[in-house]
Amino acid sequence: MLEIGPIWDENGMGSPISIAVWSIVFLTIITIVFFALRLMRARTNRNWQDAAMELGLNFTPRQLFWLPYEMSGTLDGGYYCRVHTWTERTSYAGESDSQTMTGFEVRFLESLEMGLSLSPSLGIKWLDSLMGVDDTEVGGDPDFDKQFKINCTDELKLQRFLTAERKEMLKRAFTFNFEMNDVGISSDSADVTRDKETIVHVVMELKKLAMDLTSDGGEQAPDIFATPPISESSKSIFD
């Protein structure tokens, strides 16, 4: 039986057989990894293409490993939608890290025009207040005020918009990466969403939420002061 020693001996030299065998092993591993990544990208491209076709969005398959995925277009009813991936880089205590994200965005038919920025409240309210962090409390629902950090330029319009029904819709849609502004709503996932079913589900739930927040059924011009009923479409986008 042929015994394979280390590539380099104690003198920094290696036998031709050891070098050849270990080179073949390394090349085999690299080849397997390459084809595994290529297969995964091909499957992801196919799933994204199928999701885009079902949603009526535009998608161009990405063949190069480092290119992000993206689909965009207009959903039924006129709601603009975008699904895309990107790499988020962070640095802490001298250590850097990166995380690939998938973002889902659905825009309203018309701007809310109140300078709104609504996102999860990840800090301690009273501490944020001491540090001068802007946060508008709408009142009437302490749980809602605790869950969300809100900024706006028209508080009267905000008070009229955030009815009890809309607050409940937003509370049900709550995730740590959920955001809402004048233009629309969005949610991020800390990974590449590769399967068709998840993409379609999240997009359709965001669309339903956008419709319920801005109109009565989405068949007419949006009325941001309407009071829509709570329905199945207001459940969490990740149910």
C-alpha atoms as a PDB file:
ATOM      1  CA  MET A   1       0.000   0.000   0.000  1.00  0.00           C
ATOM      2  CA  LEU A   2       1.255   3.441  -0.886  1.00  0.00           C
ATOM      3  CA  GLU A   3       1.791   5.630   2.162  1.00  0.00           C
ATOM      4  CA  ILE A   4       1.281   9.337   1.681  1.00  0.00           C
ATOM      5  CA  GLY A   5       3.325  11.506   3.962  1.00  0.00           C
ATOM      6  CA  PRO A   6       3.036  15.249   4.580  1.00  0.00           C
ATOM      7  CA  ILE A   7       3.762  17.570   1.712  1.00  0.00           C
ATOM      8  CA  TRP A   8       6.805  19.052   3.439  1.00  0.00           C
ATOM      9  CA  ASP A   9       9.246  17.230   5.702  1.00  0.00           C
ATOM     10  CA  GLU A  10      11.263  18.704   8.552  1.00  0.00           C
ATOM     11  CA  ASN A  11      13.801  20.012   6.056  1.00  0.00           C
ATOM     12  CA  GLY A  12      11.182  21.863   4.047  1.00  0.00           C
ATOM     13  CA  MET A  13      11.360  19.352   1.235  1.00  0.00           C
ATOM     14  CA  GLY A  14       8.643  17.099  -0.116  1.00  0.00           C
ATOM     15  CA  SER A  15       8.640  13.939  -2.177  1.00  0.00           C
ATOM     16  CA  PRO A  16       7.254  14.201  -5.706  1.00  0.00           C
ATOM     17  CA  ILE A  17       4.610  11.576  -4.918  1.00  0.00           C
ATOM     18  CA  SER A  18       3.352  13.397  -1.809  1.00  0.00           C
ATOM     19  CA  ILE A  19       3.214  16.723  -3.638  1.00  0.00           C
ATOM     20  CA  ALA A  20       1.355  15.175  -6.586  1.00  0.00           C
ATOM     21  CA  VAL A  21      -1.171  13.336  -4.422  1.00  0.00           C
ATOM     22  CA  TRP A  22      -1.909  16.312  -2.169  1.00  0.00           C
ATOM     23  CA  SER A  23      -2.219  18.564  -5.220  1.00  0.00           C
ATOM     24  CA  ILE A  24      -4.846  16.200  -6.641  1.00  0.00           C
ATOM     25  CA  VAL A  25      -6.695  16.226  -3.297  1.00  0.00           C
ATOM     26  CA  PHE A  26      -6.720  20.032  -3.173  1.00  0.00           C
ATOM     27  CA  LEU A  27      -7.847  20.322  -6.791  1.00  0.00           C
ATOM     28  CA  THR A  28     -10.600  17.778  -6.195  1.00  0.00           C
ATOM     29  CA  ILE A  29     -11.899  19.709  -3.182  1.00  0.00           C
ATOM     30  CA  ILE A  30     -11.819  22.989  -5.106  1.00  0.00           C
ATOM     31  CA  THR A  31     -13.634  21.380  -8.048  1.00  0.00           C
ATOM     32  CA  ILE A  32     -16.347  19.927  -5.797  1.00  0.00           C
ATOM     33  CA  VAL A  33     -16.876  23.279  -4.067  1.00  0.00           C
ATOM     34  CA  PHE A  34     -17.001  25.091  -7.419  1.00  0.00           C
ATOM     35  CA  PHE A  35     -19.622  22.785  -8.901  1.00  0.00           C
ATOM     36  CA  ALA A  36     -21.647  22.809  -5.661  1.00  0.00           C
ATOM     37  CA  LEU A  37     -21.747  26.617  -5.745  1.00  0.00           C
ATOM     38  CA  ARG A  38     -22.590  26.564  -9.437  1.00  0.00           C
ATOM     39  CA  LEU A  39     -25.435  24.110  -8.851  1.00  0.00           C
ATOM     40  CA  MET A  40     -26.785  26.181  -5.955  1.00  0.00           C
ATOM     41  CA  ARG A  41     -26.703  29.350  -8.068  1.00  0.00           C
ATOM     42  CA  ALA A  42     -28.462  27.593 -10.947  1.00  0.00           C
ATOM     43  CA  ARG A  43     -31.219  26.413  -8.600  1.00  0.00           C
ATOM     44  CA  THR A  44     -31.543  29.862  -7.048  1.00  0.00           C
ATOM     45  CA  ASN A  45     -31.744  31.479 -10.487  1.00  0.00           C
ATOM     46  CA  ARG A  46     -34.470  29.021 -11.480  1.00  0.00           C
ATOM     47  CA  ASN A  47     -36.456  29.597  -8.277  1.00  0.00           C
ATOM     48  CA  TRP A  48     -36.174  33.378  -8.576  1.00  0.00           C
ATOM     49  CA  GLN A  49     -37.200  33.182 -12.244  1.00  0.00           C
ATOM     50  CA  ASP A  50     -40.264  31.098 -11.333  1.00  0.00           C
ATOM     51  CA  ALA A  51     -41.180  33.497  -8.514  1.00  0.00           C
ATOM     52  CA  ALA A  52     -40.767  36.506 -10.805  1.00  0.00           C
ATOM     53  CA  MET A  53     -43.003  34.920 -13.449  1.00  0.00           C
ATOM     54  CA  GLU A  54     -45.725  34.165 -10.888  1.00  0.00           C
ATOM     55  CA  LEU A  55     -45.568  37.695  -9.485  1.00  0.00           C
ATOM     56  CA  GLY A  56     -45.293  39.388 -12.874  1.00  0.00           C
ATOM     57  CA  LEU A  57     -41.872  40.883 -12.116  1.00  0.00           C
ATOM     58  CA  ASN A  58     -38.715  41.198 -14.193  1.00  0.00           C
ATOM     59  CA  PHE A  59     -35.674  39.063 -13.365  1.00  0.00           C
ATOM     60  CA  THR A  60     -32.366  38.483 -15.142  1.00  0.00           C
ATOM     61  CA  PRO A  61     -30.460  35.356 -13.989  1.00  0.00           C
ATOM     62  CA  ARG A  62     -27.051  36.033 -12.451  1.00  0.00           C
ATOM     63  CA  GLN A  63     -24.312  33.675 -13.629  1.00  0.00           C
ATOM     64  CA  LEU A  64     -21.358  35.165 -11.751  1.00  0.00           C
ATOM     65  CA  PHE A  65     -21.097  34.205  -8.080  1.00  0.00           C
ATOM     66  CA  TRP A  66     -20.519  37.727  -6.786  1.00  0.00           C
ATOM     67  CA  LEU A  67     -23.448  39.397  -8.546  1.00  0.00           C
ATOM     68  CA  PRO A  68     -26.575  40.057  -6.430  1.00  0.00           C
ATOM     69  CA  TYR A  69     -30.028  38.786  -7.314  1.00  0.00           C
ATOM     70  CA  GLU A  70     -32.768  41.287  -8.113  1.00  0.00           C
ATOM     71  CA  MET A  71     -36.321  41.243  -9.417  1.00  0.00           C
ATOM     72  CA  SER A  72     -38.570  44.255  -9.759  1.00  0.00           C
ATOM     73  CA  GLY A  73     -41.679  45.503 -11.471  1.00  0.00           C
ATOM     74  CA  THR A  74     -45.344  46.211 -10.879  1.00  0.00           C
ATOM     75  CA  LEU A  75     -47.663  43.770  -9.139  1.00  0.00           C
ATOM     76  CA  ASP A  76     -51.355  43.443  -9.960  1.00  0.00           C
ATOM     77  CA  GLY A  77     -53.094  46.574  -8.759  1.00  0.00           C
ATOM     78  CA  GLY A  78     -50.203  48.891  -9.609  1.00  0.00           C
ATOM     79  CA  TYR A  79     -47.986  48.265  -6.571  1.00  0.00           C
ATOM     80  CA  TYR A  80     -44.282  48.555  -7.348  1.00  0.00           C
ATOM     81  CA  CYS A  81     -42.226  45.704  -5.889  1.00  0.00           C
ATOM     82  CA  ARG A  82     -38.535  44.977  -5.558  1.00  0.00           C
ATOM     83  CA  VAL A  83     -36.758  41.908  -4.172  1.00  0.00           C
ATOM     84  CA  HIS A  84     -32.979  41.994  -4.060  1.00  0.00           C
ATOM     85  CA  THR A  85     -29.901  40.727  -2.236  1.00  0.00           C
ATOM     86  CA  TRP A  86     -26.843  42.581  -1.020  1.00  0.00           C
ATOM     87  CA  THR A  87     -23.881  42.060   1.298  1.00  0.00           C
ATOM     88  CA  GLU A  88     -23.886  44.022   4.535  1.00  0.00           C
ATOM     89  CA  ARG A  89     -20.491  44.534   6.130  1.00  0.00           C
ATOM     90  CA  THR A  90     -19.997  45.330   9.805  1.00  0.00           C
ATOM     91  CA  SER A  91     -16.996  46.018  11.995  1.00  0.00           C
ATOM     92  CA  TYR A  92     -16.797  45.659  15.764  1.00  0.00           C
ATOM     93  CA  ALA A  93     -13.774  45.720  18.092  1.00  0.00           C
ATOM     94  CA  GLY A  94     -11.411  45.477  15.166  1.00  0.00           C
ATOM     95  CA  GLU A  95     -13.196  42.448  13.719  1.00  0.00           C
ATOM     96  CA  SER A  96     -15.034  42.685  10.413  1.00  0.00           C
ATOM     97  CA  ASP A  97     -17.877  40.483   9.262  1.00  0.00           C
ATOM     98  CA  SER A  98     -20.270  40.280   6.341  1.00  0.00           C
ATOM     99  CA  GLN A  99     -23.824  39.031   5.969  1.00  0.00           C
ATOM    100  CA  THR A 100     -25.803  38.501   2.791  1.00  0.00           C
ATOM    101  CA  MET A 101     -29.311  39.957   3.072  1.00  0.00           C
ATOM    102  CA  THR A 102     -32.523  39.647   1.077  1.00  0.00           C
ATOM    103  CA  GLY A 103     -34.728  42.722   0.953  1.00  0.00           C
ATOM    104  CA  PHE A 104     -38.444  42.825   0.098  1.00  0.00           C
ATOM    105  CA  GLU A 105     -40.125  46.136  -0.765  1.00  0.00           C
ATOM    106  CA  VAL A 106     -43.670  47.024  -1.813  1.00  0.00           C
ATOM    107  CA  ARG A 107     -44.595  50.648  -2.451  1.00  0.00           C
ATOM    108  CA  PHE A 108     -47.916  52.370  -1.889  1.00  0.00           C
ATOM    109  CA  LEU A 109     -49.879  53.686  -4.849  1.00  0.00           C
ATOM    110  CA  GLU A 110     -49.359  57.217  -3.539  1.00  0.00           C
ATOM    111  CA  SER A 111     -47.047  58.798  -0.988  1.00  0.00           C
ATOM    112  CA  LEU A 112     -48.429  59.273   2.518  1.00  0.00           C
ATOM    113  CA  GLU A 113     -46.752  62.709   2.576  1.00  0.00           C
ATOM    114  CA  MET A 114     -46.179  62.956   6.312  1.00  0.00           C
ATOM    115  CA  GLY A 115     -42.406  62.495   6.474  1.00  0.00           C
ATOM    116  CA  LEU A 116     -42.952  59.105   8.087  1.00  0.00           C
ATOM    117  CA  SER A 117     -40.258  56.714   9.243  1.00  0.00           C
ATOM    118  CA  LEU A 118     -41.490  53.735  11.266  1.00  0.00           C
ATOM    119  CA  SER A 119     -39.193  50.931  12.403  1.00  0.00           C
ATOM    120  CA  PRO A 120     -38.852  48.516  15.336  1.00  0.00           C
ATOM    121  CA  SER A 121     -37.728  50.074  18.594  1.00  0.00           C
ATOM    122  CA  LEU A 122     -34.595  48.123  19.503  1.00  0.00           C
ATOM    123  CA  GLY A 123     -33.513  50.265  22.430  1.00  0.00           C
ATOM    124  CA  ILE A 124     -34.865  51.390  25.780  1.00  0.00           C
ATOM    125  CA  LYS A 125     -37.353  54.216  25.336  1.00  0.00           C
ATOM    126  CA  TRP A 126     -36.348  56.341  28.307  1.00  0.00           C
ATOM    127  CA  LEU A 127     -32.649  55.889  27.505  1.00  0.00           C
ATOM    128  CA  ASP A 128     -33.218  56.900  23.890  1.00  0.00           C
ATOM    129  CA  SER A 129     -35.068  59.971  25.150  1.00  0.00           C
ATOM    130  CA  LEU A 130     -32.123  60.971  27.351  1.00  0.00           C
ATOM    131  CA  MET A 131     -29.797  60.573  24.377  1.00  0.00           C
ATOM    132  CA  GLY A 132     -31.978  62.840  22.248  1.00  0.00           C
ATOM    133  CA  VAL A 133     -33.260  60.154  19.891  1.00  0.00           C
ATOM    134  CA  ASP A 134     -36.383  61.404  18.098  1.00  0.00           C
ATOM    135  CA  ASP A 135     -39.384  59.167  18.703  1.00  0.00           C
ATOM    136  CA  THR A 136     -42.996  60.222  18.297  1.00  0.00           C
ATOM    137  CA  GLU A 137     -45.478  58.473  20.590  1.00  0.00           C
ATOM    138  CA  VAL A 138     -48.974  58.386  19.154  1.00  0.00           C
ATOM    139  CA  GLY A 139     -50.679  57.323  22.395  1.00  0.00           C
ATOM    140  CA  GLY A 140     -53.717  55.146  22.914  1.00  0.00           C
ATOM    141  CA  ASP A 141     -51.733  51.906  22.670  1.00  0.00           C
ATOM    142  CA  PRO A 142     -48.694  51.560  24.986  1.00  0.00           C
ATOM    143  CA  ASP A 143     -47.659  48.273  23.364  1.00  0.00           C
ATOM    144  CA  PHE A 144     -47.543  49.909  19.939  1.00  0.00           C
ATOM    145  CA  ASP A 145     -45.445  52.798  21.247  1.00  0.00           C
ATOM    146  CA  LYS A 146     -43.021  50.310  22.820  1.00  0.00           C
ATOM    147  CA  GLN A 147     -42.741  48.236  19.661  1.00  0.00           C
ATOM    148  CA  PHE A 148     -42.020  50.992  17.174  1.00  0.00           C
ATOM    149  CA  LYS A 149     -39.804  54.020  16.780  1.00  0.00           C
ATOM    150  CA  ILE A 150     -41.607  56.695  14.765  1.00  0.00           C
ATOM    151  CA  ASN A 151     -40.473  59.933  13.182  1.00  0.00           C
ATOM    152  CA  CYS A 152     -42.668  62.214  11.097  1.00  0.00           C
ATOM    153  CA  THR A 153     -43.016  65.820  10.009  1.00  0.00           C
ATOM    154  CA  ASP A 154     -46.805  66.011  10.355  1.00  0.00           C
ATOM    155  CA  GLU A 155     -47.953  64.642  13.723  1.00  0.00           C
ATOM    156  CA  LEU A 156     -51.598  65.564  13.155  1.00  0.00           C
ATOM    157  CA  LYS A 157     -51.691  63.559   9.954  1.00  0.00           C
ATOM    158  CA  LEU A 158     -49.911  60.704  11.716  1.00  0.00           C
ATOM    159  CA  GLN A 159     -52.483  60.659  14.519  1.00  0.00           C
ATOM    160  CA  ARG A 160     -55.316  60.489  11.989  1.00  0.00           C
ATOM    161  CA  PHE A 161     -53.585  57.769   9.987  1.00  0.00           C
ATOM    162  CA  LEU A 162     -52.663  55.447  12.867  1.00  0.00           C
ATOM    163  CA  THR A 163     -56.115  54.227  13.767  1.00  0.00           C
ATOM    164  CA  ALA A 164     -56.508  51.324  16.186  1.00  0.00           C
ATOM    165  CA  GLU A 165     -57.015  49.000  13.218  1.00  0.00           C
ATOM    166  CA  ARG A 166     -53.833  50.109  11.470  1.00  0.00           C
ATOM    167  CA  LYS A 167     -51.850  49.791  14.693  1.00  0.00           C
ATOM    168  CA  GLU A 168     -52.990  46.188  15.018  1.00  0.00           C
ATOM    169  CA  MET A 169     -51.976  45.490  11.413  1.00  0.00           C
ATOM    170  CA  LEU A 170     -48.501  46.877  12.008  1.00  0.00           C
ATOM    171  CA  LYS A 171     -48.101  45.000  15.291  1.00  0.00           C
ATOM    172  CA  ARG A 172     -48.941  41.740  13.530  1.00  0.00           C
ATOM    173  CA  ALA A 173     -46.443  42.485  10.771  1.00  0.00           C
ATOM    174  CA  PHE A 174     -43.719  43.273  13.308  1.00  0.00           C
ATOM    175  CA  THR A 175     -40.254  41.837  12.702  1.00  0.00           C
ATOM    176  CA  PHE A 176     -36.890  43.300  13.652  1.00  0.00           C
ATOM    177  CA  ASN A 177     -36.242  44.185   9.999  1.00  0.00           C
ATOM    178  CA  PHE A 178     -39.655  45.652   9.170  1.00  0.00           C
ATOM    179  CA  GLU A 179     -39.800  49.298   8.084  1.00  0.00           C
ATOM    180  CA  MET A 180     -42.420  51.681   6.769  1.00  0.00           C
ATOM    181  CA  ASN A 181     -42.156  55.165   5.315  1.00  0.00           C
ATOM    182  CA  ASP A 182     -44.140  57.513   3.101  1.00  0.00           C
ATOM    183  CA  VAL A 183     -43.307  55.462   0.023  1.00  0.00           C
ATOM    184  CA  GLY A 184     -44.044  51.924   1.198  1.00  0.00           C
ATOM    185  CA  ILE A 185     -43.139  49.018   3.447  1.00  0.00           C
ATOM    186  CA  SER A 186     -40.159  46.688   3.483  1.00  0.00           C
ATOM    187  CA  SER A 187     -38.696  43.739   5.317  1.00  0.00           C
ATOM    188  CA  ASP A 188     -35.230  42.171   5.254  1.00  0.00           C
ATOM    189  CA  SER A 189     -34.049  38.606   5.801  1.00  0.00           C
ATOM    190  CA  ALA A 190     -30.545  37.845   7.094  1.00  0.00           C
ATOM    191  CA  ASP A 191     -29.776  35.323   4.362  1.00  0.00           C
ATOM    192  CA  VAL A 192     -30.339  34.690   0.679  1.00  0.00           C
ATOM    193  CA  THR A 193     -33.959  33.643   0.229  1.00  0.00           C
ATOM    194  CA  ARG A 194     -33.627  30.911  -2.362  1.00  0.00           C
ATOM    195  CA  ASP A 195     -36.995  29.164  -2.608  1.00  0.00           C
ATOM    196  CA  LYS A 196     -39.852  30.362  -4.769  1.00  0.00           C
ATOM    197  CA  GLU A 197     -42.601  29.790  -2.208  1.00  0.00           C
ATOM    198  CA  THR A 198     -41.049  32.048   0.430  1.00  0.00           C
ATOM    199  CA  ILE A 199     -40.432  34.870  -2.045  1.00  0.00           C
ATOM    200  CA  VAL A 200     -43.998  34.771  -3.357  1.00  0.00           C
ATOM    201  CA  HIS A 201     -45.475  34.494   0.150  1.00  0.00           C
ATOM    202  CA  VAL A 202     -43.565  37.457   1.586  1.00  0.00           C
ATOM    203  CA  VAL A 203     -44.240  39.677  -1.442  1.00  0.00           C
ATOM    204  CA  MET A 204     -47.959  38.905  -1.453  1.00  0.00           C
ATOM    205  CA  GLU A 205     -48.283  39.485   2.295  1.00  0.00           C
ATOM    206  CA  LEU A 206     -46.485  42.831   1.975  1.00  0.00           C
ATOM    207  CA  LYS A 207     -48.780  43.760  -0.897  1.00  0.00           C
ATOM    208  CA  LYS A 208     -51.874  42.868   1.146  1.00  0.00           C
ATOM    209  CA  LEU A 209     -50.568  44.892   4.061  1.00  0.00           C
ATOM    210  CA  ALA A 210     -49.875  47.871   1.778  1.00  0.00           C
ATOM    211  CA  MET A 211     -53.407  47.621   0.397  1.00  0.00           C
ATOM    212  CA  ASP A 212     -55.019  47.395   3.833  1.00  0.00           C
ATOM    213  CA  LEU A 213     -52.977  50.288   5.197  1.00  0.00           C
ATOM    214  CA  THR A 214     -53.781  52.672   2.364  1.00  0.00           C
ATOM    215  CA  SER A 215     -57.099  51.691   0.850  1.00  0.00           C
ATOM    216  CA  ASP A 216     -60.262  49.661   1.195  1.00  0.00           C
ATOM    217  CA  GLY A 217     -59.451  46.611  -0.870  1.00  0.00           C
ATOM    218  CA  GLY A 218     -57.000  48.335  -3.194  1.00  0.00           C
ATOM    219  CA  GLU A 219     -59.452  48.707  -6.080  1.00  0.00           C
ATOM    220  CA  GLN A 220     -59.858  52.447  -5.757  1.00  0.00           C
ATOM    221  CA  ALA A 221     -57.598  55.440  -5.306  1.00  0.00           C
ATOM    222  CA  PRO A 222     -55.873  55.125  -1.910  1.00  0.00           C
ATOM    223  CA  ASP A 223     -57.356  57.044   0.994  1.00  0.00           C
ATOM    224  CA  ILE A 224     -54.839  57.173   3.830  1.00  0.00           C
ATOM    225  CA  PHE A 225     -57.533  58.316   6.251  1.00  0.00           C
ATOM    226  CA  ALA A 226     -59.859  55.399   5.540  1.00  0.00           C
ATOM    227  CA  THR A 227     -60.427  52.889   8.333  1.00  0.00           C
ATOM    228  CA  PRO A 228     -59.820  49.442   6.831  1.00  0.00           C
ATOM    229  CA  PRO A 229     -61.041  46.314   8.628  1.00  0.00           C
ATOM    230  CA  ILE A 230     -58.636  43.828  10.167  1.00  0.00           C
ATOM    231  CA  SER A 231     -58.524  40.807   7.907  1.00  0.00           C
ATOM    232  CA  GLU A 232     -56.496  37.685   7.266  1.00  0.00           C
ATOM    233  CA  SER A 233     -54.217  39.784   5.089  1.00  0.00           C
ATOM    234  CA  SER A 234     -52.997  41.738   8.099  1.00  0.00           C
ATOM    235  CA  LYS A 235     -51.282  38.734   9.676  1.00  0.00           C
ATOM    236  CA  SER A 236     -47.513  38.562  10.015  1.00  0.00           C
ATOM    237  CA  ILE A 237     -45.679  38.342   6.710  1.00  0.00           C
ATOM    238  CA  PHE A 238     -43.727  35.399   8.083  1.00  0.00           C
ATOM    239  CA  ASP A 239     -46.732  33.295   9.220  1.00  0.00           C
END
